[in-house]
PDB file of N, CA and C in Angstrom:
ATOM      1  N   UNK A   1     -26.978  18.808 -32.153  1.00  0.00           N
ATOM      2  CA  UNK A   1     -26.675  17.207 -31.406  1.00  0.00           C
ATOM      3  C   UNK A   1     -25.694  18.326 -30.332  1.00  0.00           C
ATOM      4  N   UNK A   2     -26.002  17.059 -29.446  1.00  0.00           N
ATOM      5  CA  UNK A   2     -25.128  17.923 -28.110  1.00  0.00           C
ATOM      6  C   UNK A   2     -23.949  16.933 -28.131  1.00  0.00           C
ATOM      7  N   UNK A   3     -22.831  17.448 -27.698  1.00  0.00           N
ATOM      8  CA  UNK A   3     -21.616  16.443 -26.670  1.00  0.00           C
ATOM      9  C   UNK A   3     -21.564  16.825 -26.166  1.00  0.00           C
ATOM     10  N   UNK A   4     -22.140  16.741 -24.765  1.00  0.00           N
ATOM     11  CA  UNK A   4     -22.655  16.918 -23.483  1.00  0.00           C
ATOM     12  C   UNK A   4     -21.901  15.451 -22.744  1.00  0.00           C
ATOM     13  N   UNK A   5     -22.526  14.242 -23.282  1.00  0.00           N
ATOM     14  CA  UNK A   5     -22.679  13.090 -22.866  1.00  0.00           C
ATOM     15  C   UNK A   5     -20.785  12.449 -22.673  1.00  0.00           C
ATOM     16  N   UNK A   6     -20.863  12.613 -24.177  1.00  0.00           N
ATOM     17  CA  UNK A   6     -19.155  12.594 -24.509  1.00  0.00           C
ATOM     18  C   UNK A   6     -17.800  13.475 -23.606  1.00  0.00           C
ATOM     19  N   UNK A   7     -18.303  14.521 -23.046  1.00  0.00           N
ATOM     20  CA  UNK A   7     -17.669  15.362 -22.785  1.00  0.00           C
ATOM     21  C   UNK A   7     -17.616  14.621 -21.206  1.00  0.00           C
ATOM     22  N   UNK A   8     -18.551  14.344 -20.336  1.00  0.00           N
ATOM     23  CA  UNK A   8     -19.011  13.854 -19.018  1.00  0.00           C
ATOM     24  C   UNK A   8     -18.113  12.632 -18.915  1.00  0.00           C
ATOM     25  N   UNK A   9     -18.409  11.460 -19.591  1.00  0.00           N
ATOM     26  CA  UNK A   9     -17.824  10.459 -20.143  1.00  0.00           C
ATOM     27  C   UNK A   9     -16.274  10.489 -19.996  1.00  0.00           C
ATOM     28  N   UNK A  10     -15.716  11.753 -20.734  1.00  0.00           N
ATOM     29  CA  UNK A  10     -13.979  11.926 -20.868  1.00  0.00           C
ATOM     30  C   UNK A  10     -13.294  12.481 -19.271  1.00  0.00           C
ATOM     31  N   UNK A  11     -14.594  12.970 -18.472  1.00  0.00           N
ATOM     32  CA  UNK A  11     -14.216  13.705 -17.219  1.00  0.00           C
ATOM     33  C   UNK A  11     -14.022  12.465 -16.379  1.00  0.00           C
ATOM     34  N   UNK A  12     -14.796  11.917 -17.100  1.00  0.00           N
ATOM     35  CA  UNK A  12     -15.258  10.850 -16.057  1.00  0.00           C
ATOM     36  C   UNK A  12     -13.996   9.670 -15.483  1.00  0.00           C
ATOM     37  N   UNK A  13     -13.406   9.547 -16.778  1.00  0.00           N
ATOM     38  CA  UNK A  13     -12.710   8.766 -17.058  1.00  0.00           C
ATOM     39  C   UNK A  13     -11.525   9.075 -16.589  1.00  0.00           C
ATOM     40  N   UNK A  14     -11.362  10.677 -16.659  1.00  0.00           N
ATOM     41  CA  UNK A  14      -9.925  11.052 -16.172  1.00  0.00           C
ATOM     42  C   UNK A  14     -10.079  11.634 -14.468  1.00  0.00           C
ATOM     43  N   UNK A  15     -11.225  11.392 -14.109  1.00  0.00           N
ATOM     44  CA  UNK A  15     -11.019  11.409 -12.409  1.00  0.00           C
ATOM     45  C   UNK A  15     -11.159   9.905 -12.042  1.00  0.00           C
ATOM     46  N   UNK A  16     -11.557   9.063 -12.424  1.00  0.00           N
ATOM     47  CA  UNK A  16     -10.908   8.066 -11.709  1.00  0.00           C
ATOM     48  C   UNK A  16      -9.877   7.769 -12.223  1.00  0.00           C
ATOM     49  N   UNK A  17      -9.436   7.991 -13.157  1.00  0.00           N
ATOM     50  CA  UNK A  17      -7.350   7.852 -13.239  1.00  0.00           C
ATOM     51  C   UNK A  17      -6.678   8.053 -12.307  1.00  0.00           C
ATOM     52  N   UNK A  18      -7.326   9.500 -11.914  1.00  0.00           N
ATOM     53  CA  UNK A  18      -6.400  10.618 -11.029  1.00  0.00           C
ATOM     54  C   UNK A  18      -6.490   9.662  -9.372  1.00  0.00           C
ATOM     55  N   UNK A  19      -7.556   9.131  -9.294  1.00  0.00           N
ATOM     56  CA  UNK A  19      -8.341   8.561  -8.330  1.00  0.00           C
ATOM     57  C   UNK A  19      -8.034   7.905  -7.491  1.00  0.00           C
ATOM     58  N   UNK A  20      -7.364   6.825  -8.545  1.00  0.00           N
ATOM     59  CA  UNK A  20      -5.961   5.496  -8.244  1.00  0.00           C
ATOM     60  C   UNK A  20      -5.109   5.719  -8.840  1.00  0.00           C
ATOM     61  N   UNK A  21      -4.300   6.630  -8.948  1.00  0.00           N
ATOM     62  CA  UNK A  21      -3.353   6.912  -9.391  1.00  0.00           C
ATOM     63  C   UNK A  21      -2.407   6.356  -7.848  1.00  0.00           C
ATOM     64  N   UNK A  22      -1.287   5.732  -7.823  1.00  0.00           N
ATOM     65  CA  UNK A  22      -0.351   4.849  -6.858  1.00  0.00           C
ATOM     66  C   UNK A  22       0.849   5.489  -6.870  1.00  0.00           C
ATOM     67  N   UNK A  23       1.297   4.837  -6.302  1.00  0.00           N
ATOM     68  CA  UNK A  23       3.263   5.709  -6.499  1.00  0.00           C
ATOM     69  C   UNK A  23       3.270   4.028  -6.611  1.00  0.00           C
ATOM     70  N   UNK A  24       4.431   4.078  -7.984  1.00  0.00           N
ATOM     71  CA  UNK A  24       5.185   3.107  -8.786  1.00  0.00           C
ATOM     72  C   UNK A  24       5.035   2.377  -7.252  1.00  0.00           C
ATOM     73  N   UNK A  25       4.821   0.142  -7.406  1.00  0.00           N
ATOM     74  CA  UNK A  25       5.619  -0.555  -6.481  1.00  0.00           C
ATOM     75  C   UNK A  25       4.959  -0.238  -5.195  1.00  0.00           C
ATOM     76  N   UNK A  26       3.831   0.308  -4.996  1.00  0.00           N
ATOM     77  CA  UNK A  26       3.449   0.600  -3.462  1.00  0.00           C
ATOM     78  C   UNK A  26       1.806   0.246  -3.378  1.00  0.00           C
ATOM     79  N   UNK A  27       1.824  -0.081  -1.937  1.00  0.00           N
ATOM     80  CA  UNK A  27       0.203   0.033  -1.897  1.00  0.00           C
ATOM     81  C   UNK A  27      -0.611  -0.938  -2.030  1.00  0.00           C
ATOM     82  N   UNK A  28      -2.210  -0.776  -2.046  1.00  0.00           N
ATOM     83  CA  UNK A  28      -2.888  -2.039  -1.843  1.00  0.00           C
ATOM     84  C   UNK A  28      -2.394  -2.421  -3.874  1.00  0.00           C
ATOM     85  N   UNK A  29      -2.922  -1.425  -4.842  1.00  0.00           N
ATOM     86  CA  UNK A  29      -2.671  -1.461  -5.887  1.00  0.00           C
ATOM     87  C   UNK A  29      -1.969  -2.234  -6.697  1.00  0.00           C
ATOM     88  N   UNK A  30      -0.559  -2.100  -6.605  1.00  0.00           N
ATOM     89  CA  UNK A  30       0.348  -3.663  -6.143  1.00  0.00           C
ATOM     90  C   UNK A  30       0.741  -4.164  -5.141  1.00  0.00           C
ATOM     91  N   UNK A  31       0.613  -5.533  -5.203  1.00  0.00           N
ATOM     92  CA  UNK A  31       0.155  -6.151  -3.688  1.00  0.00           C
ATOM     93  C   UNK A  31       1.701  -7.009  -3.749  1.00  0.00           C
ATOM     94  N   UNK A  32       2.807  -6.215  -4.436  1.00  0.00           N
ATOM     95  CA  UNK A  32       4.267  -6.675  -4.574  1.00  0.00           C
ATOM     96  C   UNK A  32       4.905  -6.773  -3.429  1.00  0.00           C
ATOM     97  N   UNK A  33       5.249  -6.997  -2.011  1.00  0.00           N
ATOM     98  CA  UNK A  33       5.598  -6.246  -0.519  1.00  0.00           C
ATOM     99  C   UNK A  33       7.797  -6.485  -1.362  1.00  0.00           C
ATOM    100  N   UNK A  34       8.218  -5.441  -0.852  1.00  0.00           N
ATOM    101  CA  UNK A  34       9.474  -5.759  -0.965  1.00  0.00           C
ATOM    102  C   UNK A  34      10.118  -7.222  -0.199  1.00  0.00           C
ATOM    103  N   UNK A  35      11.042  -7.661  -0.465  1.00  0.00           N
ATOM    104  CA  UNK A  35      12.214  -9.243   0.112  1.00  0.00           C
ATOM    105  C   UNK A  35      12.834  -9.179   0.090  1.00  0.00           C
ATOM    106  N   UNK A  36      13.331  -8.027   0.269  1.00  0.00           N
ATOM    107  CA  UNK A  36      14.939  -7.704   0.632  1.00  0.00           C
ATOM    108  C   UNK A  36      14.812  -7.577   2.517  1.00  0.00           C
ATOM    109  N   UNK A  37      15.482  -8.874   3.231  1.00  0.00           N
ATOM    110  CA  UNK A  37      15.627  -9.007   4.772  1.00  0.00           C
ATOM    111  C   UNK A  37      16.278  -7.048   5.268  1.00  0.00           C
ATOM    112  N   UNK A  38      14.964  -6.772   5.859  1.00  0.00           N
ATOM    113  CA  UNK A  38      15.128  -5.402   6.407  1.00  0.00           C
ATOM    114  C   UNK A  38      14.584  -4.466   5.910  1.00  0.00           C
ATOM    115  N   UNK A  39      13.766  -4.821   4.857  1.00  0.00           N
ATOM    116  CA  UNK A  39      13.382  -3.825   3.708  1.00  0.00           C
ATOM    117  C   UNK A  39      12.130  -3.034   4.930  1.00  0.00           C
ATOM    118  N   UNK A  40      11.960  -2.074   4.699  1.00  0.00           N
ATOM    119  CA  UNK A  40      10.677  -0.876   5.525  1.00  0.00           C
ATOM    120  C   UNK A  40       9.587  -0.413   5.041  1.00  0.00           C
ATOM    121  N   UNK A  41       8.375  -1.296   5.187  1.00  0.00           N
ATOM    122  CA  UNK A  41       7.121  -0.080   4.379  1.00  0.00           C
ATOM    123  C   UNK A  41       6.021   0.158   5.925  1.00  0.00           C
ATOM    124  N   UNK A  42       5.307   0.983   5.587  1.00  0.00           N
ATOM    125  CA  UNK A  42       4.647   1.473   6.671  1.00  0.00           C
ATOM    126  C   UNK A  42       2.931   1.248   6.388  1.00  0.00           C
ATOM    127  N   UNK A  43       2.246   0.690   7.872  1.00  0.00           N
ATOM    128  CA  UNK A  43       1.111   0.491   7.356  1.00  0.00           C
ATOM    129  C   UNK A  43       0.107   1.142   8.424  1.00  0.00           C
ATOM    130  N   UNK A  44      -0.640   1.732   8.391  1.00  0.00           N
ATOM    131  CA  UNK A  44      -1.948   1.975   9.430  1.00  0.00           C
ATOM    132  C   UNK A  44      -1.070   3.034  10.873  1.00  0.00           C
ATOM    133  N   UNK A  45      -0.083   3.703   9.686  1.00  0.00           N
ATOM    134  CA  UNK A  45       0.706   4.697  10.929  1.00  0.00           C
ATOM    135  C   UNK A  45       1.809   4.438  10.967  1.00  0.00           C
ATOM    136  N   UNK A  46       2.259   2.898  11.507  1.00  0.00           N
ATOM    137  CA  UNK A  46       3.170   2.546  11.752  1.00  0.00           C
ATOM    138  C   UNK A  46       4.243   1.826  10.812  1.00  0.00           C
ATOM    139  N   UNK A  47       5.612   1.877  11.454  1.00  0.00           N
ATOM    140  CA  UNK A  47       6.586   1.152  10.319  1.00  0.00           C
ATOM    141  C   UNK A  47       6.600  -0.607  10.891  1.00  0.00           C
ATOM    142  N   UNK A  48       7.057  -1.562   9.757  1.00  0.00           N
ATOM    143  CA  UNK A  48       7.179  -2.521  10.133  1.00  0.00           C
ATOM    144  C   UNK A  48       8.713  -3.078   9.442  1.00  0.00           C
ATOM    145  N   UNK A  49       9.354  -3.718  10.020  1.00  0.00           N
ATOM    146  CA  UNK A  49      10.666  -4.561   8.967  1.00  0.00           C
ATOM    147  C   UNK A  49      10.099  -5.982   9.046  1.00  0.00           C
ATOM    148  N   UNK A  50      10.745  -6.111   7.645  1.00  0.00           N
ATOM    149  CA  UNK A  50      10.941  -7.334   7.285  1.00  0.00           C
ATOM    150  C   UNK A  50      12.415  -8.726   8.400  1.00  0.00           C
ATOM    151  N   UNK A  51      11.414  -9.123   9.053  1.00  0.00           N
ATOM    152  CA  UNK A  51      12.815 -10.242   9.381  1.00  0.00           C
ATOM    153  C   UNK A  51      12.913 -11.800   8.841  1.00  0.00           C
ATOM    154  N   UNK A  52      14.061 -11.662   8.335  1.00  0.00           N
ATOM    155  CA  UNK A  52      14.665 -12.788   7.989  1.00  0.00           C
ATOM    156  C   UNK A  52      14.265 -13.296   6.650  1.00  0.00           C
ATOM    157  N   UNK A  53      14.341 -14.516   5.764  1.00  0.00           N
ATOM    158  CA  UNK A  53      14.331 -14.581   4.259  1.00  0.00           C
ATOM    159  C   UNK A  53      13.289 -15.380   4.097  1.00  0.00           C
ATOM    160  N   UNK A  54      13.105 -16.264   4.445  1.00  0.00           N
ATOM    161  CA  UNK A  54      11.905 -17.777   4.581  1.00  0.00           C
ATOM    162  C   UNK A  54      11.060 -17.401   5.265  1.00  0.00           C
ATOM    163  N   UNK A  55      10.361 -18.157   5.091  1.00  0.00           N
ATOM    164  CA  UNK A  55       9.474 -17.670   6.352  1.00  0.00           C
ATOM    165  C   UNK A  55       9.370 -16.519   7.134  1.00  0.00           C
ATOM    166  N   UNK A  56       9.368 -15.490   6.055  1.00  0.00           N
ATOM    167  CA  UNK A  56      10.030 -14.463   6.750  1.00  0.00           C
ATOM    168  C   UNK A  56       8.547 -13.366   7.473  1.00  0.00           C
ATOM    169  N   UNK A  57       8.461 -12.520   8.074  1.00  0.00           N
ATOM    170  CA  UNK A  57       7.257 -11.190   8.607  1.00  0.00           C
ATOM    171  C   UNK A  57       7.924 -10.725   8.806  1.00  0.00           C
ATOM    172  N   UNK A  58       6.995  -8.987   8.994  1.00  0.00           N
ATOM    173  CA  UNK A  58       6.949  -8.315   9.299  1.00  0.00           C
ATOM    174  C   UNK A  58       7.121  -7.751  10.918  1.00  0.00           C
ATOM    175  N   UNK A  59       7.730  -7.462  11.010  1.00  0.00           N
ATOM    176  CA  UNK A  59       7.973  -6.846  13.152  1.00  0.00           C
ATOM    177  C   UNK A  59       7.263  -5.395  12.955  1.00  0.00           C
ATOM    178  N   UNK A  60       6.937  -4.684  13.742  1.00  0.00           N
ATOM    179  CA  UNK A  60       6.679  -3.668  14.307  1.00  0.00           C
ATOM    180  C   UNK A  60       5.944  -3.878  15.793  1.00  0.00           C
ATOM    181  N   UNK A  61       5.358  -2.435  16.102  1.00  0.00           N
ATOM    182  CA  UNK A  61       5.485  -1.860  17.312  1.00  0.00           C
ATOM    183  C   UNK A  61       4.011  -1.727  17.184  1.00  0.00           C
ATOM    184  N   UNK A  62       2.737  -1.607  18.706  1.00  0.00           N
ATOM    185  CA  UNK A  62       1.558  -1.018  18.656  1.00  0.00           C
ATOM    186  C   UNK A  62       1.634   0.369  19.366  1.00  0.00           C
ATOM    187  N   UNK A  63       0.283   0.513  19.391  1.00  0.00           N
ATOM    188  CA  UNK A  63       0.017   1.975  19.578  1.00  0.00           C
ATOM    189  C   UNK A  63       1.024   2.471  21.117  1.00  0.00           C
ATOM    190  N   UNK A  64       1.515   0.923  21.654  1.00  0.00           N
ATOM    191  CA  UNK A  64       2.073   0.620  23.095  1.00  0.00           C
ATOM    192  C   UNK A  64       3.243   0.672  23.497  1.00  0.00           C
ATOM    193  N   UNK A  65       3.504   0.056  22.295  1.00  0.00           N
ATOM    194  CA  UNK A  65       4.847  -0.220  22.032  1.00  0.00           C
ATOM    195  C   UNK A  65       5.135  -1.300  21.872  1.00  0.00           C
ATOM    196  N   UNK A  66       4.038  -2.442  22.145  1.00  0.00           N
ATOM    197  CA  UNK A  66       4.106  -3.604  22.332  1.00  0.00           C
ATOM    198  C   UNK A  66       4.485  -4.422  20.718  1.00  0.00           C
ATOM    199  N   UNK A  67       5.168  -5.432  20.750  1.00  0.00           N
ATOM    200  CA  UNK A  67       5.337  -5.969  19.642  1.00  0.00           C
ATOM    201  C   UNK A  67       4.398  -6.750  18.432  1.00  0.00           C
ATOM    202  N   UNK A  68       4.684  -5.967  17.202  1.00  0.00           N
ATOM    203  CA  UNK A  68       3.545  -6.838  16.937  1.00  0.00           C
ATOM    204  C   UNK A  68       4.062  -7.232  15.130  1.00  0.00           C
ATOM    205  N   UNK A  69       4.199  -8.651  15.121  1.00  0.00           N
ATOM    206  CA  UNK A  69       4.091  -9.261  13.805  1.00  0.00           C
ATOM    207  C   UNK A  69       3.136  -9.681  12.696  1.00  0.00           C
ATOM    208  N   UNK A  70       3.412  -9.325  11.494  1.00  0.00           N
ATOM    209  CA  UNK A  70       1.898  -9.482  10.276  1.00  0.00           C
ATOM    210  C   UNK A  70       2.854 -10.607   9.302  1.00  0.00           C
ATOM    211  N   UNK A  71       2.092 -10.986   8.730  1.00  0.00           N
ATOM    212  CA  UNK A  71       2.619 -12.061   7.803  1.00  0.00           C
ATOM    213  C   UNK A  71       2.185 -11.208   6.202  1.00  0.00           C
ATOM    214  N   UNK A  72       3.000 -10.677   5.064  1.00  0.00           N
ATOM    215  CA  UNK A  72       1.992 -10.045   4.231  1.00  0.00           C
ATOM    216  C   UNK A  72       1.319 -10.613   4.100  1.00  0.00           C
ATOM    217  N   UNK A  73       0.176 -11.021   3.697  1.00  0.00           N
ATOM    218  CA  UNK A  73      -1.341 -11.394   3.813  1.00  0.00           C
ATOM    219  C   UNK A  73      -1.943  -9.873   4.529  1.00  0.00           C
ATOM    220  N   UNK A  74      -1.521 -10.138   5.752  1.00  0.00           N
ATOM    221  CA  UNK A  74      -2.063  -9.615   6.453  1.00  0.00           C
ATOM    222  C   UNK A  74      -1.412  -7.735   6.062  1.00  0.00           C
ATOM    223  N   UNK A  75      -0.365  -7.654   5.640  1.00  0.00           N
ATOM    224  CA  UNK A  75      -0.042  -6.179   5.092  1.00  0.00           C
ATOM    225  C   UNK A  75      -0.928  -5.820   3.867  1.00  0.00           C
ATOM    226  N   UNK A  76      -1.181  -6.638   2.696  1.00  0.00           N
ATOM    227  CA  UNK A  76      -1.825  -6.194   2.106  1.00  0.00           C
ATOM    228  C   UNK A  76      -3.420  -5.877   2.143  1.00  0.00           C
ATOM    229  N   UNK A  77      -3.456  -6.980   3.105  1.00  0.00           N
ATOM    230  CA  UNK A  77      -5.250  -6.476   4.053  1.00  0.00           C
ATOM    231  C   UNK A  77      -5.274  -5.130   4.205  1.00  0.00           C
ATOM    232  N   UNK A  78      -4.270  -4.695   5.109  1.00  0.00           N
ATOM    233  CA  UNK A  78      -4.631  -3.516   5.413  1.00  0.00           C
ATOM    234  C   UNK A  78      -4.182  -2.124   4.777  1.00  0.00           C
ATOM    235  N   UNK A  79      -3.370  -2.165   3.832  1.00  0.00           N
ATOM    236  CA  UNK A  79      -2.891  -1.961   3.478  1.00  0.00           C
ATOM    237  C   UNK A  79      -1.421  -1.158   3.495  1.00  0.00           C
ATOM    238  N   UNK A  80      -0.407  -0.609   2.474  1.00  0.00           N
ATOM    239  CA  UNK A  80       0.917  -0.084   3.257  1.00  0.00           C
ATOM    240  C   UNK A  80       1.399   0.571   2.043  1.00  0.00           C
ATOM    241  N   UNK A  81       2.587   1.038   2.090  1.00  0.00           N
ATOM    242  CA  UNK A  81       3.434   1.969   1.592  1.00  0.00           C
ATOM    243  C   UNK A  81       4.663   2.042   2.122  1.00  0.00           C
ATOM    244  N   UNK A  82       5.302   2.326   1.160  1.00  0.00           N
ATOM    245  CA  UNK A  82       6.872   2.773   1.173  1.00  0.00           C
ATOM    246  C   UNK A  82       7.482   3.928   2.171  1.00  0.00           C
ATOM    247  N   UNK A  83       6.584   5.122   1.935  1.00  0.00           N
ATOM    248  CA  UNK A  83       6.753   6.087   2.563  1.00  0.00           C
ATOM    249  C   UNK A  83       5.858   6.152   3.913  1.00  0.00           C
ATOM    250  N   UNK A  84       6.481   7.103   4.997  1.00  0.00           N
ATOM    251  CA  UNK A  84       5.371   7.480   6.007  1.00  0.00           C
ATOM    252  C   UNK A  84       4.210   7.942   5.889  1.00  0.00           C
ATOM    253  N   UNK A  85       4.099   9.212   4.889  1.00  0.00           N
ATOM    254  CA  UNK A  85       3.088   9.822   4.559  1.00  0.00           C
ATOM    255  C   UNK A  85       1.691   9.466   3.061  1.00  0.00           C
TER     256      UNK A  85
END
């Protein structure tokens, strides 16, 4: 009797867990964006700052320096992080 299928299943589970590991409280795995005014997140290589508290929006700039405003839903869809890298 061979134990190869059991070992490959364990290895596969470990690889999946490692691949889905995300920094706690960040990114698409948890959709809890910061809510404090002036919080900063990164998305697509650009920083975005939370403006206001009610009806808040995330303000940043595009590659050409033009103002860009995103909603919470936009950031969740695009992916985000609390750190640049």
